[in-house]
Structure formats: structure tokens, C-alpha cells
Amino acid sequence: MNSTAVTFPDGQVSGRSQIVEAVPLGERYGLVVVETPFHPLDHTWPDQPADRGTLGGLTVADCVTGAQEDGGQVLIGQDIPVRRGSEGWQWLVVHVTDETLPVGAEVELRVDTGYRNALSAGHTACHLAALALNAALADRWRKEVAPDALGHPDFDQNAITESRITPNASTDVYRLGKSLRRKGFTAEDLDLDDVTRRVNDRLKTWVAADAPVWIDVPDAGLTARRTWHCALPEGEVSIPCGGTHLERTSRLGTVTVELALDEAALTMRTAVSA
């Protein structure tokens, strides 16, 4: 069995393909097809939830990452013992259903477009908010660190511990412990209201700019190293990303963030209101 070809990076939400594997999953089944528009949950960085929809008329209850070595057993999620993209392994999109269909059957795949668009909005806003936060915190660094695509110290990449995309929203958690202080970041006397205002002002400008967004897709493989791009007024930015996105910033409508701070972490909640 070959790795699953995926079309979601190009914005596809439907397609036809052949079932090549039906994996028993307890009381459910994992159906694998040659090519799919479904975005699965990434087992290594589970930020964006799986798409919803139907496969051959069956409801797709979940969609997860699978891997198979040289025709062996298909392993799911956290049972995969190797790194994403490891050679010698086939990487699969496994559509979880309550019923099964025969291997070899040609089926129609349809993604729930409303849910996909809401997740795409949340993910696009998440990247923009991270860049805006980097800019707002740029004066908090006492040492040089690698910059983001706009030239600001990359707080997001240096401090993030968790990111979760939800429909029209995201939540990102950043550590503020000793390791970050050793890198030169100080959170002492941090004015959250001022940082929040600056982030939201920048987001308002970027949404109004109607900046184009696109994904660089080197190939159709599930584990291809895809990159998110956005042509912002300050310059083009790029972030490695395997998720789905809207095509222009103006489609976000309004993006706002709220920040919460404790001794160990800074939490940023981003909301989209079309």
C-alpha cells in the first residue's frame, strides 16, 4: 500500500477514490483510500482537529494519522513508533467509521465545508496572532534570538508549549520559566493590557489589508513539509504548517486576542468573528 495522497492543502473538500484498506478498530473501522480531501489529526502536533464529513455515504466519526511498515500492521496515532515521515513507512489518512465498505470499492468523499472553513479561520488567525504577539513583545528580550519572518524575536517559536485550533478560534500556551529567562526574555512588569492592545491593532490592520494566503505544497504526500505564506503589508511571511487555511485575511472579518498571565505561562486566546 502506498502513502495516502492528500488534496486538502489545495483547499479541496470533495473527491472520488478507491478503498485500499479496511482496518478493524474495536467496534469501528478505519478506511484508507488512495487519495483524500480529509485533513486528519496529526499525532505529533495535534493542533488542528480532524475534518468531518462522509465517505461512501458513511459518516466519518474521526480522521487520524496512520503508518504502515512494509505491508505490516497499520498503526494509529500514538502507537506509531517512528517519527513522522520516517523512511520505510507508508503514511496514511485513516477515516474512522461505524460501518465498513469493501476494499476496492470506489467511493465519494465529502468534507463538511462549514466546519472546515471555521477551522481554517481559526488556524489562519492563530498564525497572524503569533506574529503580532512577537512584535508586541520584541522589547522584552535582553539577548538576541532567531527572528520571525518580519524580523522580530520569535517568542512564539521559543516559548510555545501547546496550540489548539477550534472553530473560529485558537488557544496558545507559552512557557515563561527559567529556560526562557536564560534565553533573555523577561516577563517582569509585563503590561498585558498594552500588549493586548498592540496585538489587536496589528491584527486589525492585517485583516483590512486583504492579504493573500497560500500554502506551498511540495508533493501530495501526507507528510510533505508544507509551508503557510501570507503577503502582509510589512512583507511576505512563512511558517511551516500542515493545516488548512483561508485564502485571504479579509475573510477573517474581525480577529481579537485575550491574554492571561500566571507565574509559569502566558495564554493567548484568539477569536474570529466574521
C-alpha atoms as a PDB file:
ATOM      1  CA  MET A   1       0.000   0.000   0.000  1.00  0.00           C
ATOM      2  CA  ASN A   2       1.286   3.456  -0.926  1.00  0.00           C
ATOM      3  CA  SER A   3       1.086   6.544   1.274  1.00  0.00           C
ATOM      4  CA  THR A   4      -2.204   8.421   1.067  1.00  0.00           C
ATOM      5  CA  ALA A   5      -2.251  11.332  -1.367  1.00  0.00           C
ATOM      6  CA  VAL A   6      -3.950  14.380   0.179  1.00  0.00           C
ATOM      7  CA  THR A   7      -5.727  17.256  -1.553  1.00  0.00           C
ATOM      8  CA  PHE A   8      -6.743  19.376   1.473  1.00  0.00           C
ATOM      9  CA  PRO A   9      -3.613  21.598   1.166  1.00  0.00           C
ATOM     10  CA  ASP A  10      -5.056  22.829  -2.136  1.00  0.00           C
ATOM     11  CA  GLY A  11      -8.387  23.593  -0.491  1.00  0.00           C
ATOM     12  CA  GLN A  12     -10.231  20.557  -1.843  1.00  0.00           C
ATOM     13  CA  VAL A  13     -13.310  19.376   0.077  1.00  0.00           C
ATOM     14  CA  SER A  14     -14.518  16.514  -2.127  1.00  0.00           C
ATOM     15  CA  GLY A  15     -13.268  13.760  -4.392  1.00  0.00           C
ATOM     16  CA  ARG A  16     -13.589  10.150  -5.518  1.00  0.00           C
ATOM     17  CA  SER A  17     -11.129   7.420  -4.634  1.00  0.00           C
ATOM     18  CA  GLN A  18     -10.698   3.683  -4.120  1.00  0.00           C
ATOM     19  CA  ILE A  19     -10.638   1.985  -0.720  1.00  0.00           C
ATOM     20  CA  VAL A  20      -7.318   0.158  -0.289  1.00  0.00           C
ATOM     21  CA  GLU A  21      -7.552  -0.927   3.365  1.00  0.00           C
ATOM     22  CA  ALA A  22     -10.240  -1.539   5.991  1.00  0.00           C
ATOM     23  CA  VAL A  23      -8.678  -1.721   9.452  1.00  0.00           C
ATOM     24  CA  PRO A  24     -10.677  -3.098  12.420  1.00  0.00           C
ATOM     25  CA  LEU A  25     -10.657  -0.568  15.269  1.00  0.00           C
ATOM     26  CA  GLY A  26     -12.591  -2.259  18.029  1.00  0.00           C
ATOM     27  CA  GLU A  27     -16.249  -1.585  17.271  1.00  0.00           C
ATOM     28  CA  ARG A  28     -15.293   0.775  14.454  1.00  0.00           C
ATOM     29  CA  TYR A  29     -13.330   0.611  11.200  1.00  0.00           C
ATOM     30  CA  GLY A  30     -10.507   2.608   9.689  1.00  0.00           C
ATOM     31  CA  LEU A  31     -10.931   3.084   5.952  1.00  0.00           C
ATOM     32  CA  VAL A  32      -7.906   4.075   3.859  1.00  0.00           C
ATOM     33  CA  VAL A  33      -8.253   5.366   0.294  1.00  0.00           C
ATOM     34  CA  VAL A  34      -5.769   6.220  -2.438  1.00  0.00           C
ATOM     35  CA  GLU A  35      -6.475   9.971  -2.296  1.00  0.00           C
ATOM     36  CA  THR A  36      -8.485  12.034   0.181  1.00  0.00           C
ATOM     37  CA  PRO A  37      -9.550  15.655   0.791  1.00  0.00           C
ATOM     38  CA  PHE A  38      -9.816  14.963   4.565  1.00  0.00           C
ATOM     39  CA  HIS A  39      -7.380  16.616   6.960  1.00  0.00           C
ATOM     40  CA  PRO A  40      -6.517  14.120   9.744  1.00  0.00           C
ATOM     41  CA  LEU A  41      -5.430  14.835  13.293  1.00  0.00           C
ATOM     42  CA  ASP A  42      -1.623  14.994  13.393  1.00  0.00           C
ATOM     43  CA  HIS A  43      -0.357  12.594  16.071  1.00  0.00           C
ATOM     44  CA  THR A  44       2.853  14.576  16.683  1.00  0.00           C
ATOM     45  CA  TRP A  45       1.438  18.141  16.937  1.00  0.00           C
ATOM     46  CA  PRO A  46      -2.346  17.771  17.315  1.00  0.00           C
ATOM     47  CA  ASP A  47      -3.227  21.429  16.923  1.00  0.00           C
ATOM     48  CA  GLN A  48      -5.955  21.240  14.265  1.00  0.00           C
ATOM     49  CA  PRO A  49      -8.810  18.742  14.756  1.00  0.00           C
ATOM     50  CA  ALA A  50      -9.767  16.302  12.019  1.00  0.00           C
ATOM     51  CA  ASP A  51     -12.216  17.193   9.295  1.00  0.00           C
ATOM     52  CA  ARG A  52     -15.791  15.934   9.467  1.00  0.00           C
ATOM     53  CA  GLY A  53     -17.802  14.581   6.564  1.00  0.00           C
ATOM     54  CA  THR A  54     -18.770  11.391   4.736  1.00  0.00           C
ATOM     55  CA  LEU A  55     -17.052   8.548   2.873  1.00  0.00           C
ATOM     56  CA  GLY A  56     -19.205   6.448   0.568  1.00  0.00           C
ATOM     57  CA  GLY A  57     -22.248   7.773   2.409  1.00  0.00           C
ATOM     58  CA  LEU A  58     -20.870   6.729   5.814  1.00  0.00           C
ATOM     59  CA  THR A  59     -20.293   9.355   8.487  1.00  0.00           C
ATOM     60  CA  VAL A  60     -16.607   9.879   9.203  1.00  0.00           C
ATOM     61  CA  ALA A  61     -16.586   9.883  13.008  1.00  0.00           C
ATOM     62  CA  ASP A  62     -12.878  10.727  13.180  1.00  0.00           C
ATOM     63  CA  CYS A  63      -9.894  11.026  10.871  1.00  0.00           C
ATOM     64  CA  VAL A  64      -6.451  10.117  12.171  1.00  0.00           C
ATOM     65  CA  THR A  65      -2.867   9.586  11.029  1.00  0.00           C
ATOM     66  CA  GLY A  66      -1.782   6.003  10.410  1.00  0.00           C
ATOM     67  CA  ALA A  67       1.508   4.389   9.408  1.00  0.00           C
ATOM     68  CA  GLN A  68       2.471   1.016   7.995  1.00  0.00           C
ATOM     69  CA  GLU A  69       5.902  -0.561   7.575  1.00  0.00           C
ATOM     70  CA  ASP A  70       6.467  -2.823   4.546  1.00  0.00           C
ATOM     71  CA  GLY A  71       2.967  -4.277   4.399  1.00  0.00           C
ATOM     72  CA  GLY A  72       2.735  -4.827   8.149  1.00  0.00           C
ATOM     73  CA  GLN A  73       0.022  -3.796  10.568  1.00  0.00           C
ATOM     74  CA  VAL A  74      -1.479  -0.333  10.213  1.00  0.00           C
ATOM     75  CA  LEU A  75      -0.658   1.601  13.399  1.00  0.00           C
ATOM     76  CA  ILE A  76      -2.705   4.583  14.546  1.00  0.00           C
ATOM     77  CA  GLY A  77      -1.771   7.821  16.299  1.00  0.00           C
ATOM     78  CA  GLN A  78       0.339   7.373  19.415  1.00  0.00           C
ATOM     79  CA  ASP A  79       1.003   3.714  18.555  1.00  0.00           C
ATOM     80  CA  ILE A  80       3.232   4.835  15.663  1.00  0.00           C
ATOM     81  CA  PRO A  81       6.797   4.130  16.904  1.00  0.00           C
ATOM     82  CA  VAL A  82       8.731   6.297  14.415  1.00  0.00           C
ATOM     83  CA  ARG A  83       8.992   9.963  13.562  1.00  0.00           C
ATOM     84  CA  ARG A  84       6.591  11.497  11.072  1.00  0.00           C
ATOM     85  CA  GLY A  85       7.877  10.876   7.557  1.00  0.00           C
ATOM     86  CA  SER A  86      10.402   8.187   8.516  1.00  0.00           C
ATOM     87  CA  GLU A  87      11.678   6.228   5.521  1.00  0.00           C
ATOM     88  CA  GLY A  88      10.401   2.713   5.005  1.00  0.00           C
ATOM     89  CA  TRP A  89       6.959   3.633   6.318  1.00  0.00           C
ATOM     90  CA  GLN A  90       3.777   4.446   4.438  1.00  0.00           C
ATOM     91  CA  TRP A  91       1.832   7.365   5.904  1.00  0.00           C
ATOM     92  CA  LEU A  92      -1.926   7.080   5.793  1.00  0.00           C
ATOM     93  CA  VAL A  93      -5.112   9.046   6.386  1.00  0.00           C
ATOM     94  CA  VAL A  94      -7.421   6.701   8.292  1.00  0.00           C
ATOM     95  CA  HIS A  95     -11.140   7.580   8.118  1.00  0.00           C
ATOM     96  CA  VAL A  96     -12.895   6.166  11.171  1.00  0.00           C
ATOM     97  CA  THR A  97     -16.451   4.913  10.543  1.00  0.00           C
ATOM     98  CA  ASP A  98     -19.050   2.833  12.405  1.00  0.00           C
ATOM     99  CA  GLU A  99     -19.527   0.544   9.393  1.00  0.00           C
ATOM    100  CA  THR A 100     -17.167  -0.784   6.755  1.00  0.00           C
ATOM    101  CA  LEU A 101     -17.088  -0.920   2.978  1.00  0.00           C
ATOM    102  CA  PRO A 102     -15.314  -3.448   0.729  1.00  0.00           C
ATOM    103  CA  VAL A 103     -11.687  -2.950  -0.255  1.00  0.00           C
ATOM    104  CA  GLY A 104     -11.575  -1.974  -3.921  1.00  0.00           C
ATOM    105  CA  ALA A 105     -14.821  -0.014  -3.832  1.00  0.00           C
ATOM    106  CA  GLU A 106     -14.849   3.420  -5.492  1.00  0.00           C
ATOM    107  CA  VAL A 107     -16.329   5.959  -3.077  1.00  0.00           C
ATOM    108  CA  GLU A 108     -17.257   9.626  -2.887  1.00  0.00           C
ATOM    109  CA  LEU A 109     -15.571  11.640  -0.137  1.00  0.00           C
ATOM    110  CA  ARG A 110     -17.175  14.852   1.092  1.00  0.00           C
ATOM    111  CA  VAL A 111     -15.810  17.159   3.785  1.00  0.00           C
ATOM    112  CA  ASP A 112     -18.134  19.293   5.930  1.00  0.00           C
ATOM    113  CA  THR A 113     -17.250  22.660   4.377  1.00  0.00           C
ATOM    114  CA  GLY A 114     -18.703  24.791   7.169  1.00  0.00           C
ATOM    115  CA  TYR A 115     -16.622  23.028   9.795  1.00  0.00           C
ATOM    116  CA  ARG A 116     -13.510  23.062   7.577  1.00  0.00           C
ATOM    117  CA  ASN A 117     -13.848  26.808   6.956  1.00  0.00           C
ATOM    118  CA  ALA A 118     -14.258  27.502  10.669  1.00  0.00           C
ATOM    119  CA  LEU A 119     -11.109  25.508  11.484  1.00  0.00           C
ATOM    120  CA  SER A 120      -9.248  27.195   8.625  1.00  0.00           C
ATOM    121  CA  ALA A 121     -10.240  30.599  10.004  1.00  0.00           C
ATOM    122  CA  GLY A 122      -9.026  29.626  13.465  1.00  0.00           C
ATOM    123  CA  HIS A 123      -5.710  28.371  12.094  1.00  0.00           C
ATOM    124  CA  THR A 124      -5.040  31.389   9.883  1.00  0.00           C
ATOM    125  CA  ALA A 125      -5.844  33.743  12.753  1.00  0.00           C
ATOM    126  CA  CYS A 126      -3.576  31.706  15.040  1.00  0.00           C
ATOM    127  CA  HIS A 127      -0.550  32.333  12.799  1.00  0.00           C
ATOM    128  CA  LEU A 128      -1.316  36.029  12.450  1.00  0.00           C
ATOM    129  CA  ALA A 129      -1.791  36.402  16.206  1.00  0.00           C
ATOM    130  CA  ALA A 130       1.557  34.695  16.869  1.00  0.00           C
ATOM    131  CA  LEU A 131       3.350  37.127  14.548  1.00  0.00           C
ATOM    132  CA  ALA A 132       1.554  40.092  16.133  1.00  0.00           C
ATOM    133  CA  LEU A 133       2.490  38.835  19.608  1.00  0.00           C
ATOM    134  CA  ASN A 134       6.137  38.515  18.571  1.00  0.00           C
ATOM    135  CA  ALA A 135       6.081  42.177  17.518  1.00  0.00           C
ATOM    136  CA  ALA A 136       4.372  43.336  20.714  1.00  0.00           C
ATOM    137  CA  LEU A 137       6.922  41.506  22.908  1.00  0.00           C
ATOM    138  CA  ALA A 138      10.004  42.442  20.893  1.00  0.00           C
ATOM    139  CA  ASP A 139      11.272  44.889  23.533  1.00  0.00           C
ATOM    140  CA  ARG A 140      11.168  42.211  26.273  1.00  0.00           C
ATOM    141  CA  TRP A 141      14.305  40.416  25.030  1.00  0.00           C
ATOM    142  CA  ARG A 142      17.748  41.150  26.528  1.00  0.00           C
ATOM    143  CA  LYS A 143      19.572  38.713  24.236  1.00  0.00           C
ATOM    144  CA  GLU A 144      19.417  38.049  20.516  1.00  0.00           C
ATOM    145  CA  VAL A 145      17.263  35.123  19.406  1.00  0.00           C
ATOM    146  CA  ALA A 146      16.282  33.881  15.965  1.00  0.00           C
ATOM    147  CA  PRO A 147      13.815  36.316  14.368  1.00  0.00           C
ATOM    148  CA  ASP A 148      10.464  35.530  12.757  1.00  0.00           C
ATOM    149  CA  ALA A 149       9.739  36.338   9.122  1.00  0.00           C
ATOM    150  CA  LEU A 150       9.115  40.006   9.995  1.00  0.00           C
ATOM    151  CA  GLY A 151      12.412  40.366  11.847  1.00  0.00           C
ATOM    152  CA  HIS A 152      11.031  40.326  15.395  1.00  0.00           C
ATOM    153  CA  PRO A 153      12.408  37.996  18.078  1.00  0.00           C
ATOM    154  CA  ASP A 154      10.389  34.798  17.687  1.00  0.00           C
ATOM    155  CA  PHE A 155       8.678  34.498  21.065  1.00  0.00           C
ATOM    156  CA  ASP A 156       6.131  32.085  19.598  1.00  0.00           C
ATOM    157  CA  GLN A 157       8.665  29.501  18.455  1.00  0.00           C
ATOM    158  CA  ASN A 158      10.868  29.857  21.532  1.00  0.00           C
ATOM    159  CA  ALA A 159       8.109  29.632  24.130  1.00  0.00           C
ATOM    160  CA  ILE A 160       5.106  27.717  22.773  1.00  0.00           C
ATOM    161  CA  THR A 161       4.139  24.514  24.581  1.00  0.00           C
ATOM    162  CA  GLU A 162       0.627  23.923  23.266  1.00  0.00           C
ATOM    163  CA  SER A 163      -1.575  25.122  20.427  1.00  0.00           C
ATOM    164  CA  ARG A 164      -5.183  24.116  19.872  1.00  0.00           C
ATOM    165  CA  ILE A 165      -7.313  25.186  16.928  1.00  0.00           C
ATOM    166  CA  THR A 166     -11.094  25.237  17.368  1.00  0.00           C
ATOM    167  CA  PRO A 167     -13.810  26.572  15.046  1.00  0.00           C
ATOM    168  CA  ASN A 168     -13.099  30.293  14.536  1.00  0.00           C
ATOM    169  CA  ALA A 169     -10.665  30.331  17.450  1.00  0.00           C
ATOM    170  CA  SER A 170      -7.376  29.106  18.871  1.00  0.00           C
ATOM    171  CA  THR A 171      -5.639  28.829  22.233  1.00  0.00           C
ATOM    172  CA  ASP A 172      -1.852  29.026  22.533  1.00  0.00           C
ATOM    173  CA  VAL A 173       0.120  28.468  25.736  1.00  0.00           C
ATOM    174  CA  TYR A 174       3.644  29.838  26.204  1.00  0.00           C
ATOM    175  CA  ARG A 175       6.081  28.893  28.965  1.00  0.00           C
ATOM    176  CA  LEU A 176       7.677  31.668  30.995  1.00  0.00           C
ATOM    177  CA  GLY A 177      10.062  29.618  33.143  1.00  0.00           C
ATOM    178  CA  LYS A 178      13.797  29.635  33.778  1.00  0.00           C
ATOM    179  CA  SER A 179      14.756  28.271  30.371  1.00  0.00           C
ATOM    180  CA  LEU A 180      13.082  31.195  28.606  1.00  0.00           C
ATOM    181  CA  ARG A 181      14.635  33.684  31.025  1.00  0.00           C
ATOM    182  CA  ARG A 182      18.051  32.206  30.246  1.00  0.00           C
ATOM    183  CA  LYS A 183      17.383  32.922  26.584  1.00  0.00           C
ATOM    184  CA  GLY A 184      16.924  36.567  27.545  1.00  0.00           C
ATOM    185  CA  PHE A 185      13.169  37.050  27.830  1.00  0.00           C
ATOM    186  CA  THR A 186      11.746  38.934  30.801  1.00  0.00           C
ATOM    187  CA  ALA A 187       8.079  38.980  31.800  1.00  0.00           C
ATOM    188  CA  GLU A 188       8.660  41.244  34.798  1.00  0.00           C
ATOM    189  CA  ASP A 189       6.150  44.113  34.985  1.00  0.00           C
ATOM    190  CA  LEU A 190       4.533  42.971  31.744  1.00  0.00           C
ATOM    191  CA  ASP A 191       1.577  45.235  30.930  1.00  0.00           C
ATOM    192  CA  LEU A 192      -0.949  42.773  29.488  1.00  0.00           C
ATOM    193  CA  ASP A 193      -3.434  45.475  28.557  1.00  0.00           C
ATOM    194  CA  ASP A 194      -0.816  47.299  26.491  1.00  0.00           C
ATOM    195  CA  VAL A 195       0.413  44.113  24.797  1.00  0.00           C
ATOM    196  CA  THR A 196      -3.165  43.071  24.023  1.00  0.00           C
ATOM    197  CA  ARG A 197      -3.950  46.459  22.510  1.00  0.00           C
ATOM    198  CA  ARG A 198      -0.867  46.376  20.292  1.00  0.00           C
ATOM    199  CA  VAL A 199      -1.582  42.839  19.113  1.00  0.00           C
ATOM    200  CA  ASN A 200      -5.197  43.651  18.301  1.00  0.00           C
ATOM    201  CA  ASP A 201      -4.275  46.870  16.497  1.00  0.00           C
ATOM    202  CA  ARG A 202      -1.834  44.979  14.291  1.00  0.00           C
ATOM    203  CA  LEU A 203      -4.372  42.233  13.586  1.00  0.00           C
ATOM    204  CA  LYS A 204      -6.963  44.820  12.574  1.00  0.00           C
ATOM    205  CA  THR A 205      -4.506  46.303  10.076  1.00  0.00           C
ATOM    206  CA  TRP A 206      -3.593  42.892   8.619  1.00  0.00           C
ATOM    207  CA  VAL A 207      -7.212  41.814   8.196  1.00  0.00           C
ATOM    208  CA  ALA A 208      -8.079  45.123   6.494  1.00  0.00           C
ATOM    209  CA  ALA A 209      -5.110  44.676   4.134  1.00  0.00           C
ATOM    210  CA  ASP A 210      -6.889  41.742   2.445  1.00  0.00           C
ATOM    211  CA  ALA A 211      -3.526  39.974   2.259  1.00  0.00           C
ATOM    212  CA  PRO A 212      -3.393  36.778   0.169  1.00  0.00           C
ATOM    213  CA  VAL A 213      -2.669  33.488   1.935  1.00  0.00           C
ATOM    214  CA  TRP A 214      -1.372  30.339   0.276  1.00  0.00           C
ATOM    215  CA  ILE A 215       0.262  27.004   1.076  1.00  0.00           C
ATOM    216  CA  ASP A 216       3.469  25.800  -0.550  1.00  0.00           C
ATOM    217  CA  VAL A 217       2.876  22.108  -1.328  1.00  0.00           C
ATOM    218  CA  PRO A 218       5.993  20.197  -2.486  1.00  0.00           C
ATOM    219  CA  ASP A 219       4.069  16.982  -3.166  1.00  0.00           C
ATOM    220  CA  ALA A 220       0.780  15.205  -2.395  1.00  0.00           C
ATOM    221  CA  GLY A 221       2.141  13.059   0.437  1.00  0.00           C
ATOM    222  CA  LEU A 222       0.585  13.371   3.881  1.00  0.00           C
ATOM    223  CA  THR A 223       3.972  14.056   5.492  1.00  0.00           C
ATOM    224  CA  ALA A 224       5.194  16.573   2.889  1.00  0.00           C
ATOM    225  CA  ARG A 225       6.769  19.648   4.501  1.00  0.00           C
ATOM    226  CA  ARG A 226       4.130  22.249   3.681  1.00  0.00           C
ATOM    227  CA  THR A 227       4.557  25.953   4.401  1.00  0.00           C
ATOM    228  CA  TRP A 228       1.965  28.665   5.113  1.00  0.00           C
ATOM    229  CA  HIS A 229       2.574  32.014   3.395  1.00  0.00           C
ATOM    230  CA  CYS A 230       0.946  35.409   3.762  1.00  0.00           C
ATOM    231  CA  ALA A 231       1.810  38.609   1.882  1.00  0.00           C
ATOM    232  CA  LEU A 232       1.407  41.114   4.728  1.00  0.00           C
ATOM    233  CA  PRO A 233       1.963  44.877   4.240  1.00  0.00           C
ATOM    234  CA  GLU A 234       5.345  44.600   6.033  1.00  0.00           C
ATOM    235  CA  GLY A 235       6.461  41.747   3.773  1.00  0.00           C
ATOM    236  CA  GLU A 236       5.798  38.127   2.934  1.00  0.00           C
ATOM    237  CA  VAL A 237       5.858  35.750   5.900  1.00  0.00           C
ATOM    238  CA  SER A 238       6.047  31.971   6.037  1.00  0.00           C
ATOM    239  CA  ILE A 239       5.548  29.368   8.769  1.00  0.00           C
ATOM    240  CA  PRO A 240       5.870  25.570   8.452  1.00  0.00           C
ATOM    241  CA  CYS A 241       2.325  24.217   8.777  1.00  0.00           C
ATOM    242  CA  GLY A 242       0.355  21.121   7.848  1.00  0.00           C
ATOM    243  CA  GLY A 243      -3.109  22.564   8.463  1.00  0.00           C
ATOM    244  CA  THR A 244      -5.803  24.260   6.386  1.00  0.00           C
ATOM    245  CA  HIS A 245      -6.308  27.985   5.883  1.00  0.00           C
ATOM    246  CA  LEU A 246      -8.444  30.710   4.345  1.00  0.00           C
ATOM    247  CA  GLU A 247      -7.253  32.309   1.094  1.00  0.00           C
ATOM    248  CA  ARG A 248      -7.232  35.960   2.233  1.00  0.00           C
ATOM    249  CA  THR A 249      -7.003  37.767   5.567  1.00  0.00           C
ATOM    250  CA  SER A 250     -10.158  39.779   4.828  1.00  0.00           C
ATOM    251  CA  ARG A 251     -12.213  36.573   5.060  1.00  0.00           C
ATOM    252  CA  LEU A 252     -11.471  36.552   8.792  1.00  0.00           C
ATOM    253  CA  GLY A 253     -13.732  39.535   9.421  1.00  0.00           C
ATOM    254  CA  THR A 254     -12.512  40.546  12.875  1.00  0.00           C
ATOM    255  CA  VAL A 255      -9.702  38.915  14.860  1.00  0.00           C
ATOM    256  CA  THR A 256      -9.133  39.699  18.532  1.00  0.00           C
ATOM    257  CA  VAL A 257      -6.947  38.201  21.231  1.00  0.00           C
ATOM    258  CA  GLU A 258      -7.168  37.959  25.001  1.00  0.00           C
ATOM    259  CA  LEU A 259      -4.082  37.331  27.129  1.00  0.00           C
ATOM    260  CA  ALA A 260      -3.860  35.700  30.556  1.00  0.00           C
ATOM    261  CA  LEU A 261      -0.695  35.527  32.637  1.00  0.00           C
ATOM    262  CA  ASP A 262       0.419  33.433  35.578  1.00  0.00           C
ATOM    263  CA  GLU A 263       3.869  32.671  37.006  1.00  0.00           C
ATOM    264  CA  ALA A 264       4.530  29.793  34.630  1.00  0.00           C
ATOM    265  CA  ALA A 265       2.733  30.642  31.397  1.00  0.00           C
ATOM    266  CA  LEU A 266       1.180  33.192  29.083  1.00  0.00           C
ATOM    267  CA  THR A 267      -2.045  32.054  27.399  1.00  0.00           C
ATOM    268  CA  MET A 268      -3.350  33.712  24.246  1.00  0.00           C
ATOM    269  CA  ARG A 269      -6.920  33.091  23.133  1.00  0.00           C
ATOM    270  CA  THR A 270      -7.698  34.223  19.599  1.00  0.00           C
ATOM    271  CA  ALA A 271     -11.233  34.639  18.276  1.00  0.00           C
ATOM    272  CA  VAL A 272     -12.565  35.221  14.762  1.00  0.00           C
ATOM    273  CA  SER A 273     -15.851  36.993  14.152  1.00  0.00           C
ATOM    274  CA  ALA A 274     -16.881  37.111  10.510  1.00  0.00           C
END
